[in-house]
Amino acid sequence: MQHMANSMTGGVSNNNVWYVDFEASNHMTNHGEWFRDTKDLKTPGFVETGDDTTHPITQIGKVSLSMQDGQIKYLKYVLHVPTITKNLVSVGQMVEQGLQVTFNPNGCFVEDMKNQGKLIVKRERNGRMFTLDVNMPKVNSILFTHGKGTRDIGIWHKRVGHVNFQRLKLMEKYNLIGSLPKFGTKEVMSKVCETCQLGKQARHPFPAQTTHVSSKTLEMIHLDV
C-alpha cells in the first residue's frame, strides 16, 4: 500500500502547522500523541515521498483540531508516520469528507458543504505554501485520556499508577478510561511488572542472636565480594 506525498521530510516542524498538500493521498503526521480511536493496519503500509524514500505507517486514527471559532473538528483516517517531519492535510481526502477547499491569492478557505457551506478554516498564504495553523490538544491530557493509541497493557499499567492487571481489566469492562483498548485474558495473565515485583518483596529480619560466635582471631571472616 503506497501513499504519495511531496518531499516534506527535512527541516524542523512547527507542531501546530498543517500543510495543505495536493499530492498527499492521506492526512498524516508523526505525532502519535495526537491520535484517538486508532486502528492497527492489517497489512504493512508505507508512505512514499517525492525524494523516493519510503516511511512506515504504524497506525491510523483521527486527530482533534481546535478551530479559530473554538469548535473542535476531527481529521479522520489520519496516518501515523513517525519518520516524517511535517503535518500534511490531503486535499483529496478533505473533499471526500464533504469539505470544499478553495485557494486564491488571499489564502486557503475550507467550507463544510454538509452544513450549508459554513466556513470552518481560513488561512492566509505563506509564500507559495498554504497552511492550517490550528491549536492542538495538550499532550499531557491526551496521553492519559487517549493513551497515545497504544494497546500495550504494560504501558497502561504504568499510566494508571501500577494498578494490578485484573483491576485494569475491570476498568476496560466498565469503560472507566476513555479509549482504553480491550485486553485478552492471555495477555493479562502473561504480563509481569518487574517494578511491582521489587516493590512488594519482603526481606527476612536479621536474627536477634547469631548461631556462631567466634572465639579467636580470624576464626570468622566477613567479606563483601
C-alpha atoms as a PDB file:
ATOM      1  CA  MET A   1       0.000   0.000   0.000  1.00  0.00           C
ATOM      2  CA  GLN A   2       1.636   3.196  -1.200  1.00  0.00           C
ATOM      3  CA  HIS A   3       0.610   6.738  -0.232  1.00  0.00           C
ATOM      4  CA  MET A   4       2.153   9.548  -2.248  1.00  0.00           C
ATOM      5  CA  ALA A   5       3.203  12.850  -0.688  1.00  0.00           C
ATOM      6  CA  ASN A   6       5.628  15.596  -1.553  1.00  0.00           C
ATOM      7  CA  SER A   7       9.153  15.608  -0.148  1.00  0.00           C
ATOM      8  CA  MET A   8       8.486  17.246   3.215  1.00  0.00           C
ATOM      9  CA  THR A   9      10.783  15.141   5.313  1.00  0.00           C
ATOM     10  CA  GLY A  10      13.502  17.635   6.176  1.00  0.00           C
ATOM     11  CA  GLY A  11      13.751  20.663   8.401  1.00  0.00           C
ATOM     12  CA  VAL A  12      12.114  21.475  11.697  1.00  0.00           C
ATOM     13  CA  SER A  13       8.378  21.015  12.064  1.00  0.00           C
ATOM     14  CA  ASN A  14       6.104  23.542  13.733  1.00  0.00           C
ATOM     15  CA  ASN A  15       3.857  21.288  15.803  1.00  0.00           C
ATOM     16  CA  ASN A  16       0.646  23.219  15.179  1.00  0.00           C
ATOM     17  CA  VAL A  17       1.039  23.831  11.443  1.00  0.00           C
ATOM     18  CA  TRP A  18      -0.585  21.513   8.926  1.00  0.00           C
ATOM     19  CA  TYR A  19       0.480  21.863   5.290  1.00  0.00           C
ATOM     20  CA  VAL A  20      -2.341  21.584   2.762  1.00  0.00           C
ATOM     21  CA  ASP A  21      -0.981  19.150   0.186  1.00  0.00           C
ATOM     22  CA  PHE A  22      -2.495  18.323  -3.210  1.00  0.00           C
ATOM     23  CA  GLU A  23      -0.278  15.281  -3.732  1.00  0.00           C
ATOM     24  CA  ALA A  24      -0.802  13.636  -0.352  1.00  0.00           C
ATOM     25  CA  SER A  25      -3.267  10.770  -0.622  1.00  0.00           C
ATOM     26  CA  ASN A  26      -3.997  10.865   3.130  1.00  0.00           C
ATOM     27  CA  HIS A  27      -3.728  13.150   6.118  1.00  0.00           C
ATOM     28  CA  MET A  28      -0.551  12.227   8.014  1.00  0.00           C
ATOM     29  CA  THR A  29       1.567  13.291  10.967  1.00  0.00           C
ATOM     30  CA  ASN A  30       4.402  11.969  13.101  1.00  0.00           C
ATOM     31  CA  HIS A  31       2.735  12.973  16.388  1.00  0.00           C
ATOM     32  CA  GLY A  32       1.374   9.742  17.834  1.00  0.00           C
ATOM     33  CA  GLU A  33       0.201  11.528  20.988  1.00  0.00           C
ATOM     34  CA  TRP A  34      -2.450  13.433  18.997  1.00  0.00           C
ATOM     35  CA  PHE A  35      -4.327  10.293  17.928  1.00  0.00           C
ATOM     36  CA  ARG A  36      -7.504   8.800  19.299  1.00  0.00           C
ATOM     37  CA  ASP A  37      -9.632   5.820  18.241  1.00  0.00           C
ATOM     38  CA  THR A  38      -6.661   4.273  16.492  1.00  0.00           C
ATOM     39  CA  LYS A  39      -6.598   1.071  14.484  1.00  0.00           C
ATOM     40  CA  ASP A  40      -3.653  -1.121  13.615  1.00  0.00           C
ATOM     41  CA  LEU A  41      -3.025  -1.861   9.945  1.00  0.00           C
ATOM     42  CA  LYS A  42      -3.930  -5.370   8.821  1.00  0.00           C
ATOM     43  CA  THR A  43      -1.083  -5.287   6.314  1.00  0.00           C
ATOM     44  CA  PRO A  44       2.129  -3.188   6.468  1.00  0.00           C
ATOM     45  CA  GLY A  45       1.761   0.235   4.862  1.00  0.00           C
ATOM     46  CA  PHE A  46       4.255   2.810   3.683  1.00  0.00           C
ATOM     47  CA  VAL A  47       4.281   6.437   2.572  1.00  0.00           C
ATOM     48  CA  GLU A  48       6.405   7.235  -0.455  1.00  0.00           C
ATOM     49  CA  THR A  49       7.709  10.803  -0.613  1.00  0.00           C
ATOM     50  CA  GLY A  50       8.915  12.888  -3.538  1.00  0.00           C
ATOM     51  CA  ASP A  51      12.566  12.048  -2.838  1.00  0.00           C
ATOM     52  CA  ASP A  52      11.828   8.339  -3.456  1.00  0.00           C
ATOM     53  CA  THR A  53      12.114   7.348   0.191  1.00  0.00           C
ATOM     54  CA  THR A  54       9.548   5.214   1.994  1.00  0.00           C
ATOM     55  CA  HIS A  55       8.280   5.712   5.536  1.00  0.00           C
ATOM     56  CA  PRO A  56       6.358   3.049   7.507  1.00  0.00           C
ATOM     57  CA  ILE A  57       2.804   3.680   8.704  1.00  0.00           C
ATOM     58  CA  THR A  58       2.283   2.470  12.263  1.00  0.00           C
ATOM     59  CA  GLN A  59      -1.455   3.086  12.748  1.00  0.00           C
ATOM     60  CA  ILE A  60      -4.457   5.028  11.517  1.00  0.00           C
ATOM     61  CA  GLY A  61      -6.937   7.092  13.502  1.00  0.00           C
ATOM     62  CA  LYS A  62      -8.414  10.535  13.975  1.00  0.00           C
ATOM     63  CA  VAL A  63      -6.885  13.761  15.288  1.00  0.00           C
ATOM     64  CA  SER A  64      -8.809  16.555  17.002  1.00  0.00           C
ATOM     65  CA  LEU A  65      -8.190  20.169  15.947  1.00  0.00           C
ATOM     66  CA  SER A  66      -9.297  23.299  17.791  1.00  0.00           C
ATOM     67  CA  MET A  67     -10.653  25.770  15.239  1.00  0.00           C
ATOM     68  CA  GLN A  68     -10.362  29.546  15.471  1.00  0.00           C
ATOM     69  CA  ASP A  69     -14.029  29.780  16.482  1.00  0.00           C
ATOM     70  CA  GLY A  70     -13.355  27.465  19.437  1.00  0.00           C
ATOM     71  CA  GLN A  71     -15.070  24.414  17.946  1.00  0.00           C
ATOM     72  CA  ILE A  72     -13.371  21.032  17.828  1.00  0.00           C
ATOM     73  CA  LYS A  73     -13.101  19.357  14.440  1.00  0.00           C
ATOM     74  CA  TYR A  74     -11.675  15.962  13.642  1.00  0.00           C
ATOM     75  CA  LEU A  75      -9.373  14.862  10.864  1.00  0.00           C
ATOM     76  CA  LYS A  76     -10.420  11.290  10.152  1.00  0.00           C
ATOM     77  CA  TYR A  77      -8.326   8.465   8.745  1.00  0.00           C
ATOM     78  CA  VAL A  78      -5.045  10.168   9.588  1.00  0.00           C
ATOM     79  CA  LEU A  79      -1.883   8.105   9.112  1.00  0.00           C
ATOM     80  CA  HIS A  80       0.725   7.983  11.852  1.00  0.00           C
ATOM     81  CA  VAL A  81       4.102   8.120  10.107  1.00  0.00           C
ATOM     82  CA  PRO A  82       6.806   8.614  12.776  1.00  0.00           C
ATOM     83  CA  THR A  83       9.643   9.419  10.345  1.00  0.00           C
ATOM     84  CA  ILE A  84       8.120  12.433   8.563  1.00  0.00           C
ATOM     85  CA  THR A  85       8.627  15.929   9.990  1.00  0.00           C
ATOM     86  CA  LYS A  86       5.612  17.825   8.635  1.00  0.00           C
ATOM     87  CA  ASN A  87       1.868  17.507   9.295  1.00  0.00           C
ATOM     88  CA  LEU A  88       0.124  17.038   5.950  1.00  0.00           C
ATOM     89  CA  VAL A  89      -3.545  17.580   5.126  1.00  0.00           C
ATOM     90  CA  SER A  90      -4.740  15.840   1.968  1.00  0.00           C
ATOM     91  CA  VAL A  91      -6.969  17.993  -0.250  1.00  0.00           C
ATOM     92  CA  GLY A  92      -8.447  14.898  -1.877  1.00  0.00           C
ATOM     93  CA  GLN A  93      -9.341  13.395   1.482  1.00  0.00           C
ATOM     94  CA  MET A  94     -10.982  16.635   2.655  1.00  0.00           C
ATOM     95  CA  VAL A  95     -13.126  16.663  -0.486  1.00  0.00           C
ATOM     96  CA  GLU A  96     -14.123  13.039   0.131  1.00  0.00           C
ATOM     97  CA  GLN A  97     -15.251  14.030   3.630  1.00  0.00           C
ATOM     98  CA  GLY A  98     -17.676  16.658   2.306  1.00  0.00           C
ATOM     99  CA  LEU A  99     -15.452  19.729   2.519  1.00  0.00           C
ATOM    100  CA  GLN A 100     -14.823  22.299  -0.168  1.00  0.00           C
ATOM    101  CA  VAL A 101     -11.280  23.664  -0.395  1.00  0.00           C
ATOM    102  CA  THR A 102     -10.689  26.946  -2.203  1.00  0.00           C
ATOM    103  CA  PHE A 103      -7.364  28.599  -2.980  1.00  0.00           C
ATOM    104  CA  ASN A 104      -6.838  32.172  -4.149  1.00  0.00           C
ATOM    105  CA  PRO A 105      -4.240  34.948  -3.670  1.00  0.00           C
ATOM    106  CA  ASN A 106      -5.817  35.747  -0.294  1.00  0.00           C
ATOM    107  CA  GLY A 107      -5.229  32.282   1.117  1.00  0.00           C
ATOM    108  CA  CYS A 108      -6.933  28.941   1.723  1.00  0.00           C
ATOM    109  CA  PHE A 109     -10.608  28.524   2.645  1.00  0.00           C
ATOM    110  CA  VAL A 110     -12.240  25.314   3.843  1.00  0.00           C
ATOM    111  CA  GLU A 111     -16.044  25.126   3.872  1.00  0.00           C
ATOM    112  CA  ASP A 112     -18.346  22.436   5.196  1.00  0.00           C
ATOM    113  CA  MET A 113     -20.722  21.596   2.344  1.00  0.00           C
ATOM    114  CA  LYS A 114     -22.787  19.370   4.675  1.00  0.00           C
ATOM    115  CA  ASN A 115     -23.508  22.432   6.800  1.00  0.00           C
ATOM    116  CA  GLN A 116     -24.676  24.925   4.142  1.00  0.00           C
ATOM    117  CA  GLY A 117     -21.133  25.811   3.131  1.00  0.00           C
ATOM    118  CA  LYS A 118     -20.118  27.120   6.558  1.00  0.00           C
ATOM    119  CA  LEU A 119     -16.561  28.453   6.610  1.00  0.00           C
ATOM    120  CA  ILE A 120     -14.582  26.449   9.166  1.00  0.00           C
ATOM    121  CA  VAL A 121     -10.975  27.360   8.307  1.00  0.00           C
ATOM    122  CA  LYS A 122      -9.467  30.462   6.734  1.00  0.00           C
ATOM    123  CA  ARG A 123      -5.725  30.948   6.434  1.00  0.00           C
ATOM    124  CA  GLU A 124      -3.513  33.409   4.596  1.00  0.00           C
ATOM    125  CA  ARG A 125      -0.854  32.269   2.163  1.00  0.00           C
ATOM    126  CA  ASN A 126       2.636  31.588   3.486  1.00  0.00           C
ATOM    127  CA  GLY A 127       4.726  32.342   0.422  1.00  0.00           C
ATOM    128  CA  ARG A 128       3.694  29.679  -2.061  1.00  0.00           C
ATOM    129  CA  MET A 129       2.506  27.364   0.664  1.00  0.00           C
ATOM    130  CA  PHE A 130      -0.960  27.037   2.158  1.00  0.00           C
ATOM    131  CA  THR A 131      -1.101  26.033   5.798  1.00  0.00           C
ATOM    132  CA  LEU A 132      -3.685  25.459   8.501  1.00  0.00           C
ATOM    133  CA  ASP A 133      -2.453  26.933  11.777  1.00  0.00           C
ATOM    134  CA  VAL A 134      -4.681  25.378  14.420  1.00  0.00           C
ATOM    135  CA  ASN A 135      -4.497  24.640  18.134  1.00  0.00           C
ATOM    136  CA  MET A 136      -3.626  21.077  19.018  1.00  0.00           C
ATOM    137  CA  PRO A 137      -4.810  19.337  22.201  1.00  0.00           C
ATOM    138  CA  LYS A 138      -2.441  19.391  25.147  1.00  0.00           C
ATOM    139  CA  VAL A 139      -0.124  16.406  25.164  1.00  0.00           C
ATOM    140  CA  ASN A 140      -0.457  15.785  28.910  1.00  0.00           C
ATOM    141  CA  SER A 141      -4.224  15.315  28.824  1.00  0.00           C
ATOM    142  CA  ILE A 142      -4.331  13.321  25.626  1.00  0.00           C
ATOM    143  CA  LEU A 143      -1.636  10.946  26.859  1.00  0.00           C
ATOM    144  CA  PHE A 144      -3.941   9.805  29.652  1.00  0.00           C
ATOM    145  CA  THR A 145      -7.392  10.010  28.094  1.00  0.00           C
ATOM    146  CA  HIS A 146      -6.468   8.672  24.690  1.00  0.00           C
ATOM    147  CA  GLY A 147      -3.443   6.611  25.599  1.00  0.00           C
ATOM    148  CA  LYS A 148      -1.405   7.548  22.547  1.00  0.00           C
ATOM    149  CA  GLY A 149      -3.149   4.773  20.687  1.00  0.00           C
ATOM    150  CA  THR A 150      -1.088   2.023  22.302  1.00  0.00           C
ATOM    151  CA  ARG A 151      -2.505  -1.425  23.024  1.00  0.00           C
ATOM    152  CA  ASP A 152       0.390  -2.428  25.291  1.00  0.00           C
ATOM    153  CA  ILE A 153      -1.131  -3.462  28.619  1.00  0.00           C
ATOM    154  CA  GLY A 154       2.214  -2.880  30.324  1.00  0.00           C
ATOM    155  CA  ILE A 155       2.202   0.799  29.348  1.00  0.00           C
ATOM    156  CA  TRP A 156      -1.400   1.234  30.526  1.00  0.00           C
ATOM    157  CA  HIS A 157      -0.481  -0.484  33.811  1.00  0.00           C
ATOM    158  CA  LYS A 158       2.183   2.197  34.422  1.00  0.00           C
ATOM    159  CA  ARG A 159      -0.062   5.091  33.346  1.00  0.00           C
ATOM    160  CA  VAL A 160      -2.718   4.360  35.932  1.00  0.00           C
ATOM    161  CA  GLY A 161      -0.289   4.052  38.839  1.00  0.00           C
ATOM    162  CA  HIS A 162       0.773   0.397  38.584  1.00  0.00           C
ATOM    163  CA  VAL A 163      -2.723  -0.913  39.284  1.00  0.00           C
ATOM    164  CA  ASN A 164      -2.916  -4.699  39.065  1.00  0.00           C
ATOM    165  CA  PHE A 165      -3.816  -6.202  35.707  1.00  0.00           C
ATOM    166  CA  GLN A 166      -7.115  -7.676  36.891  1.00  0.00           C
ATOM    167  CA  ARG A 167      -8.227  -4.202  38.040  1.00  0.00           C
ATOM    168  CA  LEU A 168      -7.143  -2.809  34.676  1.00  0.00           C
ATOM    169  CA  LYS A 169      -9.351  -5.416  33.029  1.00  0.00           C
ATOM    170  CA  LEU A 170     -12.295  -4.164  35.135  1.00  0.00           C
ATOM    171  CA  MET A 171     -11.573  -0.572  34.054  1.00  0.00           C
ATOM    172  CA  GLU A 172     -11.794  -1.730  30.459  1.00  0.00           C
ATOM    173  CA  LYS A 173     -15.044  -3.639  31.134  1.00  0.00           C
ATOM    174  CA  TYR A 174     -16.825  -0.649  32.688  1.00  0.00           C
ATOM    175  CA  ASN A 175     -15.236   1.908  30.334  1.00  0.00           C
ATOM    176  CA  LEU A 176     -13.710   3.934  33.174  1.00  0.00           C
ATOM    177  CA  ILE A 177     -10.920   5.313  30.952  1.00  0.00           C
ATOM    178  CA  GLY A 178     -11.652   6.702  27.505  1.00  0.00           C
ATOM    179  CA  SER A 179     -10.130   4.792  24.572  1.00  0.00           C
ATOM    180  CA  LEU A 180      -8.744   2.051  26.816  1.00  0.00           C
ATOM    181  CA  PRO A 181      -8.230  -0.896  24.436  1.00  0.00           C
ATOM    182  CA  LYS A 182      -9.563  -4.382  25.054  1.00  0.00           C
ATOM    183  CA  PHE A 183      -7.050  -6.780  26.541  1.00  0.00           C
ATOM    184  CA  GLY A 184      -7.175 -10.530  26.092  1.00  0.00           C
ATOM    185  CA  THR A 185      -7.173 -12.818  29.124  1.00  0.00           C
ATOM    186  CA  LYS A 186      -3.966 -14.493  27.955  1.00  0.00           C
ATOM    187  CA  GLU A 187      -2.263 -11.111  27.633  1.00  0.00           C
ATOM    188  CA  VAL A 188      -3.332 -10.103  31.148  1.00  0.00           C
ATOM    189  CA  MET A 189      -2.154 -13.354  32.758  1.00  0.00           C
ATOM    190  CA  SER A 190       1.214 -13.411  30.975  1.00  0.00           C
ATOM    191  CA  LYS A 191       2.294  -9.871  31.845  1.00  0.00           C
ATOM    192  CA  VAL A 192       4.601  -9.338  34.815  1.00  0.00           C
ATOM    193  CA  CYS A 193       5.710  -5.922  36.087  1.00  0.00           C
ATOM    194  CA  GLU A 194       9.306  -6.065  37.362  1.00  0.00           C
ATOM    195  CA  THR A 195       8.896  -2.807  39.307  1.00  0.00           C
ATOM    196  CA  CYS A 196       5.877  -4.149  41.189  1.00  0.00           C
ATOM    197  CA  GLN A 197       7.735  -7.360  41.985  1.00  0.00           C
ATOM    198  CA  LEU A 198      10.658  -5.454  43.509  1.00  0.00           C
ATOM    199  CA  GLY A 199       8.349  -3.127  45.435  1.00  0.00           C
ATOM    200  CA  LYS A 200       6.476  -5.995  47.067  1.00  0.00           C
ATOM    201  CA  GLN A 201       9.485  -8.056  48.047  1.00  0.00           C
ATOM    202  CA  ALA A 202       9.874  -8.633  51.786  1.00  0.00           C
ATOM    203  CA  ARG A 203      13.275  -9.326  53.338  1.00  0.00           C
ATOM    204  CA  HIS A 204      13.637 -11.654  56.317  1.00  0.00           C
ATOM    205  CA  PRO A 205      14.703  -9.827  59.512  1.00  0.00           C
ATOM    206  CA  PHE A 206      18.215 -10.254  60.806  1.00  0.00           C
ATOM    207  CA  PRO A 207      18.393 -12.809  63.636  1.00  0.00           C
ATOM    208  CA  ALA A 208      18.484 -11.388  67.138  1.00  0.00           C
ATOM    209  CA  GLN A 209      21.287 -13.756  68.094  1.00  0.00           C
ATOM    210  CA  THR A 210      23.929 -15.302  65.926  1.00  0.00           C
ATOM    211  CA  THR A 211      24.232 -19.073  65.713  1.00  0.00           C
ATOM    212  CA  HIS A 212      28.019 -18.974  65.826  1.00  0.00           C
ATOM    213  CA  VAL A 213      30.298 -16.795  67.916  1.00  0.00           C
ATOM    214  CA  SER A 214      33.999 -16.711  67.140  1.00  0.00           C
ATOM    215  CA  SER A 215      36.385 -17.461  69.987  1.00  0.00           C
ATOM    216  CA  LYS A 216      39.702 -16.450  68.428  1.00  0.00           C
ATOM    217  CA  THR A 217      41.143 -14.113  65.818  1.00  0.00           C
ATOM    218  CA  LEU A 218      40.309 -14.830  62.154  1.00  0.00           C
ATOM    219  CA  GLU A 219      38.007 -17.722  63.088  1.00  0.00           C
ATOM    220  CA  MET A 220      35.181 -15.962  61.215  1.00  0.00           C
ATOM    221  CA  ILE A 221      35.794 -13.541  58.359  1.00  0.00           C
ATOM    222  CA  HIS A 222      33.117 -11.359  56.718  1.00  0.00           C
ATOM    223  CA  LEU A 223      33.829 -10.383  53.105  1.00  0.00           C
ATOM    224  CA  ASP A 224      31.968  -8.071  50.770  1.00  0.00           C
ATOM    225  CA  VAL A 225      32.549  -9.553  47.312  1.00  0.00           C
END
